[in-house]
Amino acid sequence: MFTFRSSFLATCLLAVGLFSCQQGNDEVRDAARQDIETTMPANPAAAAPAQPGVVTPAGPTTSLSFAESSFNFGSVTEGEIITHTFNFTNTGNEPLVVADARGTCGCTVPSKPTAPIAPGETGEITVRFDTRNKVGERQQRVTVTANTEPAQTYISLDGTVVADPNAATQ
């Protein structure tokens, strides 16, 4: 039968457990709240970049058109470096400013033009994909942020990376 002491001890343990769980939930809630506040604008009509930390160029918007939005590199052996250049045209009436180009991970590295592209002129974004430790079907997406509507355009390198049969297994 429970005594006052064992009942008191059980109550204290329950309180500590609940407080600890609640404190963890507060941290999770705070992190989620922070994510929502940084990704959801106070004014939904305001144009905001989809990626935190990426600033969309101010001023008039224009449009761009890629010659191809994806490149299929086929099947390659793990460890190869894939490089492809995506050509685009400024199809709008204002200079095109490419503010940012980001890959989905550190293995996908795009390079973007630094100077504005005049209306009707062309530009290019070269994407380098390191297949090391990336075995399987791949879709390496790059987000291009510019003074366009919408602000982000996506291009990708697609294909299959096959394990290197000559690689030493650990």
C-alpha atoms as a PDB file:
ATOM      1  CA  MET A   1       0.000   0.000   0.000  1.00  0.00           C
ATOM      2  CA  PHE A   2       1.192   3.512  -0.775  1.00  0.00           C
ATOM      3  CA  THR A   3       2.423   5.614   2.054  1.00  0.00           C
ATOM      4  CA  PHE A   4       2.468   9.384   2.168  1.00  0.00           C
ATOM      5  CA  ARG A   5       6.210   9.374   1.407  1.00  0.00           C
ATOM      6  CA  SER A   6       5.949   7.110  -1.674  1.00  0.00           C
ATOM      7  CA  SER A   7       2.886   9.048  -2.872  1.00  0.00           C
ATOM      8  CA  PHE A   8       4.731  12.341  -2.443  1.00  0.00           C
ATOM      9  CA  LEU A   9       7.780  10.930  -4.278  1.00  0.00           C
ATOM     10  CA  ALA A  10       5.611   9.661  -7.145  1.00  0.00           C
ATOM     11  CA  THR A  11       3.909  13.071  -7.399  1.00  0.00           C
ATOM     12  CA  CYS A  12       7.291  14.864  -7.490  1.00  0.00           C
ATOM     13  CA  LEU A  13       8.613  12.535 -10.203  1.00  0.00           C
ATOM     14  CA  LEU A  14       5.447  13.040 -12.256  1.00  0.00           C
ATOM     15  CA  ALA A  15       5.710  16.823 -11.895  1.00  0.00           C
ATOM     16  CA  VAL A  16       9.385  16.820 -12.964  1.00  0.00           C
ATOM     17  CA  GLY A  17       8.551  14.596 -15.930  1.00  0.00           C
ATOM     18  CA  LEU A  18       5.691  16.788 -17.055  1.00  0.00           C
ATOM     19  CA  PHE A  19       7.718  19.961 -16.588  1.00  0.00           C
ATOM     20  CA  SER A  20      10.618  18.500 -18.595  1.00  0.00           C
ATOM     21  CA  CYS A  21       8.320  17.426 -21.417  1.00  0.00           C
ATOM     22  CA  GLN A  22       6.564  20.779 -21.396  1.00  0.00           C
ATOM     23  CA  GLN A  23       9.880  22.639 -21.484  1.00  0.00           C
ATOM     24  CA  GLY A  24      10.957  20.596 -24.529  1.00  0.00           C
ATOM     25  CA  ASN A  25       7.641  21.353 -26.198  1.00  0.00           C
ATOM     26  CA  ASP A  26       8.155  25.066 -25.533  1.00  0.00           C
ATOM     27  CA  GLU A  27      11.505  24.881 -27.326  1.00  0.00           C
ATOM     28  CA  VAL A  28       9.895  23.074 -30.262  1.00  0.00           C
ATOM     29  CA  ARG A  29       7.020  25.569 -30.319  1.00  0.00           C
ATOM     30  CA  ASP A  30       9.453  28.504 -30.209  1.00  0.00           C
ATOM     31  CA  ALA A  31      11.477  27.048 -33.093  1.00  0.00           C
ATOM     32  CA  ALA A  32       8.310  26.452 -35.137  1.00  0.00           C
ATOM     33  CA  ARG A  33       7.052  29.946 -34.324  1.00  0.00           C
ATOM     34  CA  GLN A  34      10.426  31.368 -35.424  1.00  0.00           C
ATOM     35  CA  ASP A  35      10.200  29.423 -38.712  1.00  0.00           C
ATOM     36  CA  ILE A  36       6.672  30.640 -39.357  1.00  0.00           C
ATOM     37  CA  GLU A  37       7.512  34.238 -38.512  1.00  0.00           C
ATOM     38  CA  THR A  38      10.568  34.237 -40.781  1.00  0.00           C
ATOM     39  CA  THR A  39       8.901  32.493 -43.717  1.00  0.00           C
ATOM     40  CA  MET A  40       5.399  33.968 -43.572  1.00  0.00           C
ATOM     41  CA  PRO A  41       5.246  37.703 -44.308  1.00  0.00           C
ATOM     42  CA  ALA A  42       3.086  39.943 -42.119  1.00  0.00           C
ATOM     43  CA  ASN A  43       1.478  41.134 -45.341  1.00  0.00           C
ATOM     44  CA  PRO A  44       0.826  38.109 -47.627  1.00  0.00           C
ATOM     45  CA  ALA A  45       0.480  40.446 -50.610  1.00  0.00           C
ATOM     46  CA  ALA A  46       4.087  41.561 -50.152  1.00  0.00           C
ATOM     47  CA  ALA A  47       6.602  39.867 -52.397  1.00  0.00           C
ATOM     48  CA  ALA A  48       8.995  37.856 -50.267  1.00  0.00           C
ATOM     49  CA  PRO A  49      11.654  35.360 -51.286  1.00  0.00           C
ATOM     50  CA  ALA A  50      10.921  31.690 -50.600  1.00  0.00           C
ATOM     51  CA  GLN A  51      14.423  31.115 -49.245  1.00  0.00           C
ATOM     52  CA  PRO A  52      15.419  32.866 -46.023  1.00  0.00           C
ATOM     53  CA  GLY A  53      18.356  35.205 -46.468  1.00  0.00           C
ATOM     54  CA  VAL A  54      17.827  35.679 -50.209  1.00  0.00           C
ATOM     55  CA  VAL A  55      16.982  39.208 -51.204  1.00  0.00           C
ATOM     56  CA  THR A  56      14.953  39.701 -54.364  1.00  0.00           C
ATOM     57  CA  PRO A  57      16.200  42.678 -56.363  1.00  0.00           C
ATOM     58  CA  ALA A  58      14.047  45.779 -55.896  1.00  0.00           C
ATOM     59  CA  GLY A  59      12.603  47.703 -58.782  1.00  0.00           C
ATOM     60  CA  PRO A  60      10.732  46.706 -61.893  1.00  0.00           C
ATOM     61  CA  THR A  61      10.291  43.043 -62.717  1.00  0.00           C
ATOM     62  CA  THR A  62      11.039  41.318 -65.967  1.00  0.00           C
ATOM     63  CA  SER A  63      10.840  37.740 -67.216  1.00  0.00           C
ATOM     64  CA  LEU A  64      13.296  35.080 -68.255  1.00  0.00           C
ATOM     65  CA  SER A  65      13.093  31.935 -70.284  1.00  0.00           C
ATOM     66  CA  PHE A  66      15.488  29.011 -70.014  1.00  0.00           C
ATOM     67  CA  ALA A  67      16.303  27.065 -73.178  1.00  0.00           C
ATOM     68  CA  GLU A  68      15.857  23.971 -70.968  1.00  0.00           C
ATOM     69  CA  SER A  69      14.754  23.726 -67.358  1.00  0.00           C
ATOM     70  CA  SER A  70      16.334  20.325 -66.755  1.00  0.00           C
ATOM     71  CA  PHE A  71      19.281  18.380 -68.076  1.00  0.00           C
ATOM     72  CA  ASN A  72      19.325  14.584 -68.001  1.00  0.00           C
ATOM     73  CA  PHE A  73      22.919  13.442 -67.496  1.00  0.00           C
ATOM     74  CA  GLY A  74      21.943   9.782 -67.907  1.00  0.00           C
ATOM     75  CA  SER A  75      23.779   7.180 -65.862  1.00  0.00           C
ATOM     76  CA  VAL A  76      27.207   7.975 -64.413  1.00  0.00           C
ATOM     77  CA  THR A  77      29.593   6.297 -62.001  1.00  0.00           C
ATOM     78  CA  GLU A  78      29.818   7.652 -58.465  1.00  0.00           C
ATOM     79  CA  GLY A  79      32.634  10.158 -58.096  1.00  0.00           C
ATOM     80  CA  GLU A  80      32.209  11.801 -61.502  1.00  0.00           C
ATOM     81  CA  ILE A  81      31.688  15.544 -61.733  1.00  0.00           C
ATOM     82  CA  ILE A  82      28.759  16.636 -63.901  1.00  0.00           C
ATOM     83  CA  THR A  83      28.859  20.153 -65.324  1.00  0.00           C
ATOM     84  CA  HIS A  84      26.105  21.669 -67.428  1.00  0.00           C
ATOM     85  CA  THR A  85      25.392  25.197 -68.622  1.00  0.00           C
ATOM     86  CA  PHE A  86      21.778  26.393 -68.689  1.00  0.00           C
ATOM     87  CA  ASN A  87      21.214  29.211 -71.188  1.00  0.00           C
ATOM     88  CA  PHE A  88      18.453  31.747 -70.669  1.00  0.00           C
ATOM     89  CA  THR A  89      17.065  34.871 -72.321  1.00  0.00           C
ATOM     90  CA  ASN A  90      15.689  38.010 -70.704  1.00  0.00           C
ATOM     91  CA  THR A  91      12.250  37.978 -72.347  1.00  0.00           C
ATOM     92  CA  GLY A  92      11.001  41.058 -70.498  1.00  0.00           C
ATOM     93  CA  ASN A  93      11.369  44.783 -70.989  1.00  0.00           C
ATOM     94  CA  GLU A  94      13.639  45.559 -68.002  1.00  0.00           C
ATOM     95  CA  PRO A  95      17.225  44.553 -67.171  1.00  0.00           C
ATOM     96  CA  LEU A  96      17.345  41.118 -65.531  1.00  0.00           C
ATOM     97  CA  VAL A  97      19.256  40.905 -62.242  1.00  0.00           C
ATOM     98  CA  VAL A  98      20.021  37.375 -61.042  1.00  0.00           C
ATOM     99  CA  ALA A  99      20.324  37.886 -57.290  1.00  0.00           C
ATOM    100  CA  ASP A 100      21.068  34.294 -56.326  1.00  0.00           C
ATOM    101  CA  ALA A 101      21.417  30.722 -57.565  1.00  0.00           C
ATOM    102  CA  ARG A 102      21.456  27.970 -54.912  1.00  0.00           C
ATOM    103  CA  GLY A 103      21.738  24.217 -55.136  1.00  0.00           C
ATOM    104  CA  THR A 104      19.849  21.790 -52.926  1.00  0.00           C
ATOM    105  CA  CYS A 105      23.063  20.775 -51.166  1.00  0.00           C
ATOM    106  CA  GLY A 106      26.786  21.489 -51.155  1.00  0.00           C
ATOM    107  CA  CYS A 107      27.358  18.930 -53.909  1.00  0.00           C
ATOM    108  CA  THR A 108      25.428  21.091 -56.409  1.00  0.00           C
ATOM    109  CA  VAL A 109      27.139  24.414 -57.050  1.00  0.00           C
ATOM    110  CA  PRO A 110      25.757  26.911 -59.568  1.00  0.00           C
ATOM    111  CA  SER A 111      27.550  29.986 -60.903  1.00  0.00           C
ATOM    112  CA  LYS A 112      25.427  32.937 -61.977  1.00  0.00           C
ATOM    113  CA  PRO A 113      26.002  36.110 -63.966  1.00  0.00           C
ATOM    114  CA  THR A 114      26.993  39.118 -61.889  1.00  0.00           C
ATOM    115  CA  ALA A 115      26.022  41.863 -64.346  1.00  0.00           C
ATOM    116  CA  PRO A 116      22.429  42.711 -65.331  1.00  0.00           C
ATOM    117  CA  ILE A 117      21.176  41.089 -68.551  1.00  0.00           C
ATOM    118  CA  ALA A 118      19.567  43.565 -70.958  1.00  0.00           C
ATOM    119  CA  PRO A 119      16.130  42.833 -72.485  1.00  0.00           C
ATOM    120  CA  GLY A 120      16.480  40.353 -75.341  1.00  0.00           C
ATOM    121  CA  GLU A 121      20.019  39.382 -74.289  1.00  0.00           C
ATOM    122  CA  THR A 122      21.122  35.961 -73.090  1.00  0.00           C
ATOM    123  CA  GLY A 123      22.957  34.702 -70.055  1.00  0.00           C
ATOM    124  CA  GLU A 124      23.997  31.415 -68.533  1.00  0.00           C
ATOM    125  CA  ILE A 125      24.098  29.568 -65.262  1.00  0.00           C
ATOM    126  CA  THR A 126      26.622  26.761 -65.026  1.00  0.00           C
ATOM    127  CA  VAL A 127      25.877  24.017 -62.503  1.00  0.00           C
ATOM    128  CA  ARG A 128      28.502  21.634 -61.138  1.00  0.00           C
ATOM    129  CA  PHE A 129      27.339  18.413 -59.434  1.00  0.00           C
ATOM    130  CA  ASP A 130      29.792  16.204 -57.505  1.00  0.00           C
ATOM    131  CA  THR A 131      28.346  12.665 -57.506  1.00  0.00           C
ATOM    132  CA  ARG A 132      30.568  11.407 -54.681  1.00  0.00           C
ATOM    133  CA  ASN A 133      28.351   9.634 -52.065  1.00  0.00           C
ATOM    134  CA  LYS A 134      25.209  10.355 -54.142  1.00  0.00           C
ATOM    135  CA  VAL A 135      24.284   6.879 -55.440  1.00  0.00           C
ATOM    136  CA  GLY A 136      20.801   6.400 -56.900  1.00  0.00           C
ATOM    137  CA  GLU A 137      18.245   8.418 -58.836  1.00  0.00           C
ATOM    138  CA  ARG A 138      19.099  12.114 -58.537  1.00  0.00           C
ATOM    139  CA  GLN A 139      17.297  15.375 -59.189  1.00  0.00           C
ATOM    140  CA  GLN A 140      19.703  18.128 -58.183  1.00  0.00           C
ATOM    141  CA  ARG A 141      17.569  21.259 -58.159  1.00  0.00           C
ATOM    142  CA  VAL A 142      18.853  24.821 -58.364  1.00  0.00           C
ATOM    143  CA  THR A 143      16.744  27.797 -57.292  1.00  0.00           C
ATOM    144  CA  VAL A 144      17.391  30.929 -59.343  1.00  0.00           C
ATOM    145  CA  THR A 145      16.221  34.157 -57.679  1.00  0.00           C
ATOM    146  CA  ALA A 146      15.846  37.233 -59.871  1.00  0.00           C
ATOM    147  CA  ASN A 147      13.721  40.332 -60.393  1.00  0.00           C
ATOM    148  CA  THR A 148      11.055  38.208 -62.080  1.00  0.00           C
ATOM    149  CA  GLU A 149       7.473  37.300 -61.227  1.00  0.00           C
ATOM    150  CA  PRO A 150       7.594  34.830 -59.546  1.00  0.00           C
ATOM    151  CA  ALA A 151      10.968  35.625 -58.012  1.00  0.00           C
ATOM    152  CA  GLN A 152      12.187  32.005 -58.105  1.00  0.00           C
ATOM    153  CA  THR A 153      12.734  29.787 -61.135  1.00  0.00           C
ATOM    154  CA  TYR A 154      13.949  26.187 -60.868  1.00  0.00           C
ATOM    155  CA  ILE A 155      16.385  24.246 -63.026  1.00  0.00           C
ATOM    156  CA  SER A 156      17.740  20.758 -62.375  1.00  0.00           C
ATOM    157  CA  LEU A 157      20.279  18.095 -63.235  1.00  0.00           C
ATOM    158  CA  ASP A 158      18.576  14.690 -63.408  1.00  0.00           C
ATOM    159  CA  GLY A 159      19.956  11.177 -63.786  1.00  0.00           C
ATOM    160  CA  THR A 160      21.267   8.105 -62.060  1.00  0.00           C
ATOM    161  CA  VAL A 161      24.494   7.702 -60.110  1.00  0.00           C
ATOM    162  CA  VAL A 162      25.725   4.106 -60.047  1.00  0.00           C
ATOM    163  CA  ALA A 163      28.031   2.859 -57.277  1.00  0.00           C
ATOM    164  CA  ASP A 164      31.656   2.608 -58.370  1.00  0.00           C
ATOM    165  CA  PRO A 165      32.403  -1.124 -58.577  1.00  0.00           C
ATOM    166  CA  ASN A 166      36.133  -0.415 -58.106  1.00  0.00           C
ATOM    167  CA  ALA A 167      35.619   1.550 -54.878  1.00  0.00           C
ATOM    168  CA  ALA A 168      36.901  -0.142 -51.747  1.00  0.00           C
ATOM    169  CA  THR A 169      34.094  -1.296 -49.476  1.00  0.00           C
ATOM    170  CA  GLN A 170      34.481  -0.621 -45.824  1.00  0.00           C
END
